[in-house]
Amino acid sequence: MTVADTPVPLTEEEIAEGLRRVPGWSRQGEEITRTFGIRYHGGVALIVHVADVERLIGHHADIDLRWDTVRFAITTHDAGHRLTAADFDLAERINAIAAAHDARPLD
């Protein structure tokens, strides 16, 4: 990765704007998170769908699968674990995928 390829962390104002674009996501330190209610096997299918998209865009979330919930946490590791535009793009994609899987937003 070259310096030109290094993701640029967002300013506080840009983060606030990004959060307005992704309803239900909240900031926890230097990551954004959201939890969805979905039964275990549905959660596995949701995760596989998200993982396919993540592979294509080259950005991924940390994912916590429980019996009846899936929690996503997103930050940009290549930007020193800071928030970048790629994080909010992925959050928008996860919202759409979760809706397609009938996952219930819990936040």
C-alpha atoms as a PDB file:
ATOM      1  CA  MET A   1       0.000   0.000   0.000  1.00  0.00           C
ATOM      2  CA  THR A   2       1.364   3.391  -0.931  1.00  0.00           C
ATOM      3  CA  VAL A   3       0.768   6.669   0.871  1.00  0.00           C
ATOM      4  CA  ALA A   4      -1.719   7.572  -1.881  1.00  0.00           C
ATOM      5  CA  ASP A   5      -3.663   4.370  -1.086  1.00  0.00           C
ATOM      6  CA  THR A   6      -3.832   5.034   2.659  1.00  0.00           C
ATOM      7  CA  PRO A   7      -7.422   5.817   3.722  1.00  0.00           C
ATOM      8  CA  VAL A   8      -7.941   9.282   5.148  1.00  0.00           C
ATOM      9  CA  PRO A   9      -9.610   9.505   8.578  1.00  0.00           C
ATOM     10  CA  LEU A  10     -12.725  11.663   8.691  1.00  0.00           C
ATOM     11  CA  THR A  11     -13.079  14.867  10.694  1.00  0.00           C
ATOM     12  CA  GLU A  12     -15.591  15.035  13.558  1.00  0.00           C
ATOM     13  CA  GLU A  13     -17.967  16.979  11.292  1.00  0.00           C
ATOM     14  CA  GLU A  14     -17.693  14.359   8.547  1.00  0.00           C
ATOM     15  CA  ILE A  15     -18.337  11.583  11.089  1.00  0.00           C
ATOM     16  CA  ALA A  16     -21.470  13.383  12.328  1.00  0.00           C
ATOM     17  CA  GLU A  17     -22.692  13.712   8.728  1.00  0.00           C
ATOM     18  CA  GLY A  18     -21.926  10.036   8.080  1.00  0.00           C
ATOM     19  CA  LEU A  19     -23.965   9.005  11.124  1.00  0.00           C
ATOM     20  CA  ARG A  20     -26.931  11.005   9.819  1.00  0.00           C
ATOM     21  CA  ARG A  21     -26.739   8.948   6.588  1.00  0.00           C
ATOM     22  CA  VAL A  22     -26.832   5.585   8.392  1.00  0.00           C
ATOM     23  CA  PRO A  23     -29.811   5.527  10.765  1.00  0.00           C
ATOM     24  CA  GLY A  24     -29.424   3.097  13.647  1.00  0.00           C
ATOM     25  CA  TRP A  25     -25.629   3.104  13.652  1.00  0.00           C
ATOM     26  CA  SER A  26     -23.900   4.617  16.655  1.00  0.00           C
ATOM     27  CA  ARG A  27     -20.365   5.666  17.325  1.00  0.00           C
ATOM     28  CA  GLN A  28     -18.419   3.851  20.003  1.00  0.00           C
ATOM     29  CA  GLY A  29     -14.954   5.325  20.146  1.00  0.00           C
ATOM     30  CA  GLU A  30     -13.345   4.951  16.736  1.00  0.00           C
ATOM     31  CA  GLU A  31     -15.902   2.527  15.296  1.00  0.00           C
ATOM     32  CA  ILE A  32     -19.561   2.537  14.335  1.00  0.00           C
ATOM     33  CA  THR A  33     -21.811  -0.295  15.475  1.00  0.00           C
ATOM     34  CA  ARG A  34     -25.270  -1.717  14.926  1.00  0.00           C
ATOM     35  CA  THR A  35     -27.064  -4.813  16.196  1.00  0.00           C
ATOM     36  CA  PHE A  36     -29.808  -6.712  14.403  1.00  0.00           C
ATOM     37  CA  GLY A  37     -32.200  -9.281  15.802  1.00  0.00           C
ATOM     38  CA  ILE A  38     -32.294 -12.449  13.716  1.00  0.00           C
ATOM     39  CA  ARG A  39     -32.366 -16.148  14.571  1.00  0.00           C
ATOM     40  CA  TYR A  40     -29.037 -18.004  14.430  1.00  0.00           C
ATOM     41  CA  HIS A  41     -29.284 -19.636  10.985  1.00  0.00           C
ATOM     42  CA  GLY A  42     -30.712 -16.458   9.476  1.00  0.00           C
ATOM     43  CA  GLY A  43     -27.801 -14.609  11.058  1.00  0.00           C
ATOM     44  CA  VAL A  44     -25.347 -16.983   9.404  1.00  0.00           C
ATOM     45  CA  ALA A  45     -26.977 -16.316   6.012  1.00  0.00           C
ATOM     46  CA  LEU A  46     -26.866 -12.560   6.664  1.00  0.00           C
ATOM     47  CA  ILE A  47     -23.171 -12.750   7.540  1.00  0.00           C
ATOM     48  CA  VAL A  48     -22.347 -14.737   4.398  1.00  0.00           C
ATOM     49  CA  HIS A  49     -24.165 -12.158   2.266  1.00  0.00           C
ATOM     50  CA  VAL A  50     -22.318  -9.288   3.984  1.00  0.00           C
ATOM     51  CA  ALA A  51     -18.991 -11.144   3.643  1.00  0.00           C
ATOM     52  CA  ASP A  52     -19.518 -11.531  -0.120  1.00  0.00           C
ATOM     53  CA  VAL A  53     -19.996  -7.772  -0.468  1.00  0.00           C
ATOM     54  CA  GLU A  54     -17.060  -7.041   1.835  1.00  0.00           C
ATOM     55  CA  ARG A  55     -14.790  -9.209  -0.292  1.00  0.00           C
ATOM     56  CA  LEU A  56     -15.822  -7.281  -3.400  1.00  0.00           C
ATOM     57  CA  ILE A  57     -15.246  -3.837  -1.899  1.00  0.00           C
ATOM     58  CA  GLY A  58     -12.135  -4.753   0.093  1.00  0.00           C
ATOM     59  CA  HIS A  59     -13.436  -3.578   3.458  1.00  0.00           C
ATOM     60  CA  HIS A  60     -14.840  -5.618   6.339  1.00  0.00           C
ATOM     61  CA  ALA A  61     -16.652  -5.312   9.638  1.00  0.00           C
ATOM     62  CA  ASP A  62     -15.983  -7.114  12.886  1.00  0.00           C
ATOM     63  CA  ILE A  63     -18.980  -9.410  13.365  1.00  0.00           C
ATOM     64  CA  ASP A  64     -20.396 -10.947  16.540  1.00  0.00           C
ATOM     65  CA  LEU A  65     -22.972 -13.707  15.972  1.00  0.00           C
ATOM     66  CA  ARG A  66     -25.162 -14.816  18.877  1.00  0.00           C
ATOM     67  CA  TRP A  67     -28.197 -17.087  19.027  1.00  0.00           C
ATOM     68  CA  ASP A  68     -30.637 -14.298  18.185  1.00  0.00           C
ATOM     69  CA  THR A  69     -28.507 -11.273  17.237  1.00  0.00           C
ATOM     70  CA  VAL A  70     -25.749 -10.151  14.909  1.00  0.00           C
ATOM     71  CA  ARG A  71     -23.626  -7.138  15.844  1.00  0.00           C
ATOM     72  CA  PHE A  72     -21.468  -5.320  13.312  1.00  0.00           C
ATOM     73  CA  ALA A  73     -18.612  -2.980  14.268  1.00  0.00           C
ATOM     74  CA  ILE A  74     -16.792  -1.041  11.566  1.00  0.00           C
ATOM     75  CA  THR A  75     -13.538   0.915  11.579  1.00  0.00           C
ATOM     76  CA  THR A  76     -10.717   1.256   9.062  1.00  0.00           C
ATOM     77  CA  HIS A  77      -7.724  -0.729  10.246  1.00  0.00           C
ATOM     78  CA  ASP A  78      -5.473   0.740   7.517  1.00  0.00           C
ATOM     79  CA  ALA A  79      -6.209   4.234   8.846  1.00  0.00           C
ATOM     80  CA  GLY A  80      -5.016   3.404  12.338  1.00  0.00           C
ATOM     81  CA  HIS A  81      -8.425   2.120  13.489  1.00  0.00           C
ATOM     82  CA  ARG A  82     -10.074   5.438  12.643  1.00  0.00           C
ATOM     83  CA  LEU A  83     -13.319   6.144  10.816  1.00  0.00           C
ATOM     84  CA  THR A  84     -13.222   6.757   7.058  1.00  0.00           C
ATOM     85  CA  ALA A  85     -15.783   7.165   4.267  1.00  0.00           C
ATOM     86  CA  ALA A  86     -15.448   3.439   3.551  1.00  0.00           C
ATOM     87  CA  ASP A  87     -16.938   2.663   6.979  1.00  0.00           C
ATOM     88  CA  PHE A  88     -20.127   4.570   6.275  1.00  0.00           C
ATOM     89  CA  ASP A  89     -20.390   3.081   2.784  1.00  0.00           C
ATOM     90  CA  LEU A  90     -20.201  -0.403   4.306  1.00  0.00           C
ATOM     91  CA  ALA A  91     -22.774   0.528   6.970  1.00  0.00           C
ATOM     92  CA  GLU A  92     -25.220   1.594   4.231  1.00  0.00           C
ATOM     93  CA  ARG A  93     -24.653  -1.716   2.458  1.00  0.00           C
ATOM     94  CA  ILE A  94     -25.149  -3.702   5.674  1.00  0.00           C
ATOM     95  CA  ASN A  95     -28.426  -1.861   6.343  1.00  0.00           C
ATOM     96  CA  ALA A  96     -29.721  -2.869   2.910  1.00  0.00           C
ATOM     97  CA  ILE A  97     -28.566  -6.474   3.253  1.00  0.00           C
ATOM     98  CA  ALA A  98     -30.052  -6.768   6.754  1.00  0.00           C
ATOM     99  CA  ALA A  99     -33.395  -5.463   5.470  1.00  0.00           C
ATOM    100  CA  ALA A 100     -33.322  -8.052   2.668  1.00  0.00           C
ATOM    101  CA  HIS A 101     -32.855 -10.770   5.329  1.00  0.00           C
ATOM    102  CA  ASP A 102     -35.711  -9.373   7.474  1.00  0.00           C
ATOM    103  CA  ALA A 103     -33.281  -8.690  10.331  1.00  0.00           C
ATOM    104  CA  ARG A 104     -34.826  -6.462  13.010  1.00  0.00           C
ATOM    105  CA  PRO A 105     -32.793  -3.380  13.914  1.00  0.00           C
ATOM    106  CA  LEU A 106     -32.227  -3.366  17.670  1.00  0.00           C
ATOM    107  CA  ASP A 107     -30.580   0.057  17.928  1.00  0.00           C
END
